[in-house]
Protein backbone atom coordinates (compact mmCIF):
# COMPACT_ATOMS: atom_id res chain seq x y z
CA MET A 1 51.94 135.34 76.62
CA GLU A 2 50.04 132.29 75.35
CA PHE A 3 52.15 130.02 77.57
CA TYR A 4 51.21 131.90 80.74
CA LEU A 5 47.57 132.15 79.66
CA SER A 6 47.44 128.38 79.15
CA LYS A 7 48.82 127.80 82.64
CA ILE A 8 46.15 130.01 84.19
CA LEU A 9 43.40 128.35 82.16
CA ASN A 10 44.63 124.84 82.99
CA PHE A 11 44.46 125.71 86.66
CA PHE A 12 40.79 126.66 86.46
CA ILE A 13 39.75 123.62 84.41
CA ASN A 14 41.46 121.10 86.66
CA PRO A 15 38.61 119.04 88.21
CA LEU A 16 40.42 118.71 91.53
CA TYR A 17 40.83 122.46 91.79
CA ILE A 18 37.20 122.98 90.79
CA LEU A 19 36.07 120.79 93.70
CA SER A 20 38.51 122.51 96.04
CA LEU A 21 37.22 125.91 94.97
CA VAL A 22 33.63 124.90 95.68
CA ILE A 23 34.68 123.74 99.16
CA LEU A 24 36.49 127.02 99.85
CA ILE A 25 33.48 129.05 98.72
CA GLN A 26 31.24 126.93 100.90
CA LEU A 27 33.48 127.45 103.94
CA PHE A 28 33.50 131.18 103.26
CA THR A 29 29.72 131.12 103.06
CA ILE A 30 29.43 129.23 106.34
CA PHE A 31 31.79 131.38 108.40
CA PHE A 32 31.29 134.82 106.87
CA LEU A 33 28.06 135.11 104.92
CA GLN A 34 26.11 132.70 107.12
CA SER A 35 23.54 132.15 104.40
CA LYS A 36 21.68 128.88 104.75
CA LYS A 37 20.48 128.98 101.12
CA LEU A 38 24.02 129.43 99.78
CA VAL A 39 25.36 126.69 102.04
CA ILE A 40 22.72 124.29 100.71
CA PHE A 41 23.39 125.42 97.12
CA PHE A 42 27.15 124.85 97.30
CA SER A 43 26.66 121.56 99.16
CA LYS A 44 24.45 120.31 96.34
CA LEU A 45 26.87 121.68 93.74
CA PHE A 46 29.79 119.86 95.34
CA LEU A 47 27.85 116.61 95.52
CA ILE A 48 26.77 116.87 91.87
CA LEU A 49 30.30 117.64 90.69
CA PHE A 50 31.77 114.90 92.89
CA LEU A 51 29.38 112.30 91.46
CA PHE A 52 29.86 113.60 87.93
CA PHE A 53 33.68 113.52 88.04
CA GLY A 54 33.68 110.19 89.88
CA TYR A 55 31.40 108.41 87.43
CA SER A 56 34.37 106.90 85.63
CA PRO A 57 32.53 105.11 82.76
CA LEU A 58 31.55 108.47 81.26
CA SER A 59 35.02 109.98 81.42
CA ASN A 60 36.54 106.71 80.22
CA PHE A 61 34.20 106.69 77.22
CA LEU A 62 34.93 110.31 76.27
CA LEU A 63 38.68 109.91 76.73
CA SER A 64 38.68 106.77 74.58
CA LYS A 65 37.02 108.75 71.78
CA ILE A 66 39.86 111.26 71.90
CA GLU A 67 42.51 108.54 72.05
CA ASP A 68 41.00 106.62 69.12
CA TYR A 69 40.31 109.65 66.94
CA ILE A 70 43.53 109.01 65.01
CA GLN A 71 44.54 105.44 64.25
CA PRO A 72 48.15 104.30 64.71
CA SER A 73 50.31 104.27 61.62
CA LYS A 74 51.02 100.97 59.88
CA TYR A 75 54.07 102.39 58.12
CA PRO A 76 57.12 100.10 58.63
CA VAL A 77 59.37 101.68 61.25
CA GLN A 78 62.38 100.22 59.44
CA GLN A 79 61.70 102.68 56.62
CA LEU A 80 61.31 105.82 58.73
CA THR A 81 63.82 108.60 58.23
CA GLY A 82 63.16 109.91 61.72
CA VAL A 83 60.75 110.28 64.59
CA ILE A 84 59.90 113.39 66.56
CA VAL A 85 59.34 112.77 70.25
CA LEU A 86 57.32 115.45 72.00
CA GLY A 87 58.35 116.46 75.52
CA GLY A 88 56.33 115.76 78.63
CA SER A 89 57.94 112.54 79.88
CA PHE A 90 59.96 113.91 82.78
CA ASN A 91 59.48 114.93 86.38
CA SER A 92 61.41 117.74 88.02
CA GLY A 93 64.62 118.77 86.30
CA LEU A 94 66.06 120.02 89.59
CA GLU A 95 66.00 116.65 91.37
CA SER A 96 67.22 114.95 88.19
CA LYS A 97 70.22 117.28 88.06
CA GLU A 98 70.97 117.04 91.77
CA ARG A 99 70.79 113.23 91.72
CA ASN A 100 72.29 112.89 88.24
CA GLU A 101 69.43 110.54 87.46
CA VAL A 102 66.64 111.17 84.96
CA SER A 103 63.22 111.01 86.60
CA LEU A 104 60.44 109.80 84.29
CA ASN A 105 56.69 110.23 84.65
CA SER A 106 53.67 108.31 83.36
CA SER A 107 54.27 109.51 79.78
CA ALA A 108 57.67 107.80 79.57
CA GLU A 109 56.36 105.55 76.76
CA ARG A 110 57.13 108.43 74.40
CA LEU A 111 60.81 107.78 75.10
CA THR A 112 60.71 104.00 75.26
CA LYS A 113 58.83 103.82 71.95
CA ALA A 114 61.62 105.84 70.32
CA LEU A 115 64.13 103.34 71.74
CA GLU A 116 62.08 100.45 70.39
CA ILE A 117 62.08 101.99 66.92
CA TYR A 118 65.82 102.72 67.14
CA LYS A 119 66.55 99.05 67.87
CA LYS A 120 64.58 98.04 64.77
CA ASN A 121 66.00 100.86 62.65
CA PRO A 122 69.49 101.92 63.85
CA LYS A 123 69.65 104.62 61.15
CA VAL A 124 66.55 106.45 62.36
CA LEU A 125 66.92 110.03 63.55
CA ILE A 126 65.37 110.88 66.91
CA LEU A 127 64.31 114.50 67.21
CA PHE A 128 63.36 115.37 70.77
CA SER A 129 61.31 118.55 71.08
CA GLY A 130 60.94 120.24 74.45
CA TYR A 131 62.46 122.71 76.87
CA SER A 132 60.10 122.91 79.86
CA ASN A 133 56.43 123.34 80.63
CA LYS A 134 57.16 124.86 84.04
CA LEU A 135 56.63 128.54 84.79
CA LYS A 136 60.04 128.75 86.46
CA PRO A 137 62.13 125.80 85.27
CA THR A 138 65.09 124.80 87.42
CA GLY A 139 67.82 122.22 86.97
CA TRP A 140 67.98 120.29 83.72
CA ASN A 141 65.54 121.16 80.97
CA GLU A 142 63.71 118.40 79.11
CA SER A 143 66.21 118.26 76.26
CA ASP A 144 69.04 117.84 78.79
CA MET A 145 67.22 114.93 80.40
CA ALA A 146 66.32 113.39 77.03
CA LYS A 147 69.95 113.60 75.95
CA LYS A 148 71.14 111.78 79.07
CA PHE A 149 68.34 109.22 78.79
CA PHE A 150 69.01 108.29 75.17
CA LEU A 151 72.78 108.26 75.50
CA ASP A 152 72.56 106.12 78.66
CA GLN A 153 70.39 103.68 76.69
CA GLY A 154 73.04 103.33 74.00
CA VAL A 155 71.61 105.55 71.26
CA ARG A 156 74.40 107.00 69.14
CA PHE A 157 74.85 110.75 69.43
CA GLU A 158 74.74 111.18 65.65
CA ASN A 159 71.18 109.81 65.67
CA LEU A 160 69.98 112.47 68.09
CA ILE A 161 68.65 115.98 67.43
CA PHE A 162 67.39 118.26 70.19
CA GLU A 163 65.00 121.20 69.95
CA ASN A 164 65.30 123.00 73.27
CA GLN A 165 63.12 126.09 72.95
CA SER A 166 59.51 124.88 72.96
CA ARG A 167 57.29 125.09 76.04
CA ASN A 168 53.96 123.97 74.57
CA THR A 169 52.54 121.94 71.69
CA PHE A 170 52.45 124.74 69.14
CA GLU A 171 56.06 125.66 69.89
CA ASN A 172 56.99 121.99 69.44
CA ILE A 173 55.79 122.33 65.86
CA LYS A 174 57.07 125.87 65.36
CA TYR A 175 60.66 125.03 66.27
CA SER A 176 60.75 121.52 64.82
CA LYS A 177 59.14 121.83 61.40
CA ASP A 178 62.22 123.29 59.68
CA ILE A 179 64.44 120.59 61.16
CA ILE A 180 62.16 117.87 59.84
CA ALA A 181 61.88 119.59 56.44
CA ASN A 182 65.67 119.43 56.07
CA TYR A 183 65.59 115.63 55.91
CA LYS A 184 63.90 113.86 53.02
CA GLY A 185 61.80 110.86 53.84
CA THR A 186 58.99 109.82 56.13
CA TRP A 187 58.85 110.94 59.74
CA GLY A 188 56.85 109.57 62.62
CA LEU A 189 55.23 111.55 65.43
CA ILE A 190 55.44 110.04 68.91
CA THR A 191 53.15 111.37 71.61
CA SER A 192 50.44 110.25 74.03
CA ALA A 193 47.14 109.02 72.62
CA ASN A 194 45.10 111.83 74.15
CA HIS A 195 47.56 114.41 72.79
CA MET A 196 47.87 112.97 69.27
CA PRO A 197 44.85 114.69 67.60
CA ARG A 198 45.98 118.19 68.54
CA SER A 199 49.63 117.48 67.71
CA TYR A 200 48.96 115.70 64.43
CA TYR A 201 46.62 118.33 63.00
CA THR A 202 48.81 121.21 64.12
CA PHE A 203 51.75 119.68 62.24
CA LYS A 204 49.45 119.11 59.27
CA ARG A 205 48.40 122.76 59.34
CA GLN A 206 52.10 123.64 59.01
CA GLY A 207 52.41 121.42 55.93
CA LEU A 208 53.89 118.32 57.56
CA ILE A 209 52.10 114.98 57.31
CA LEU A 210 53.64 112.67 59.90
CA GLU A 211 53.00 109.02 60.69
CA PRO A 212 51.16 108.88 64.04
CA ILE A 213 52.97 106.60 66.49
CA ILE A 214 50.64 106.51 69.46
CA VAL A 215 51.65 105.61 73.02
CA ASP A 216 50.55 106.12 76.61
CA TYR A 217 46.92 105.01 76.30
CA LYS A 218 44.80 105.65 79.39
CA THR A 219 41.81 103.62 78.18
CA GLY A 220 41.36 100.08 76.91
CA THR A 221 39.10 98.50 74.33
CA SER A 222 36.99 96.16 76.48
CA PRO A 223 33.29 96.96 76.95
CA ALA A 224 32.69 99.45 79.73
CA PHE A 225 30.89 98.45 82.92
CA TRP A 226 28.46 101.34 83.23
CA ILE A 227 27.84 101.02 86.96
CA ASN A 228 31.12 102.12 88.43
CA PHE A 229 32.41 104.97 90.59
CA ASP A 230 36.09 105.86 90.88
CA ILE A 231 36.80 109.44 91.85
CA GLU A 232 40.57 109.07 91.52
CA LYS A 233 40.43 107.73 87.97
CA GLY A 234 37.62 110.12 87.08
CA LEU A 235 39.62 113.19 88.14
CA VAL A 236 42.61 112.05 86.08
CA ASN A 237 40.44 111.36 83.04
CA TRP A 238 38.57 114.65 83.21
CA LYS A 239 41.80 116.59 83.62
CA LEU A 240 43.05 115.10 80.33
CA ILE A 241 39.69 115.52 78.57
CA LEU A 242 39.23 119.16 79.53
CA HIS A 243 42.87 119.98 78.76
CA GLU A 244 42.59 118.63 75.23
CA ILE A 245 39.10 120.02 74.53
CA VAL A 246 40.18 123.50 75.58
CA GLY A 247 43.51 123.14 73.76
CA ILE A 248 41.94 122.01 70.49
CA SER A 249 39.25 124.70 70.72
CA TYR A 250 41.84 127.42 71.26
CA TYR A 251 44.01 126.12 68.41
CA LYS A 252 41.00 126.17 66.09
CA ILE A 253 40.06 129.72 67.10
CA THR A 254 43.63 130.90 66.52
CA SER A 255 43.95 128.97 63.21
CA LYS A 256 46.69 126.69 64.51
CA ILE A 257 44.69 123.68 63.38
């Protein structure tokens, strides 16, 4: 139930969909209600939201605060027993299956970082956690694609563990914690920078302290130029910001963090 609820909520907090909804309401007002006051109101609302979402320095600043909330681990990767790689690095499983070629998205650094660690520490265990975040998954699931990816890159099968039930962050932890607990030693957690706070503290709530291995940064460290407008970047940033703010808030309310 939580999975479907999260999908509905994510739809309504997507900045692009918010702007689209305002436009649809405005068109409805123009053609059906024919209210000049409402047309003016929704025109102003759209303009305000457009400027707000497009003012990229603000969203860049807020997103950087989320990404920098947890600092990367300095623990030597050569001494890690294993790393858990959270899902979310793949495009459609259907096309991947039909083409027999794994299709990666912008979060592929989660996978390449695991490969980097494996090259430095050939004994490390790689636990991939993920089934699918789609409502109706088709083709290969994420664990299938991860298996093909790692094996194609030369990772030995005995170094790989797959958790293929989880469909969200909490289920990543729920179905992986016992696997990690079965192996003594220090484990690292690999996920995107904006996703690390929620993931790290949810694992911690379950009694597992993992070394944060942070990838997939969307912001840099150079001083921001505060007079800038970029609606494309702003929409992407706000989608990530709102997703994590709502996710963390819900996890706190439900005592997952």
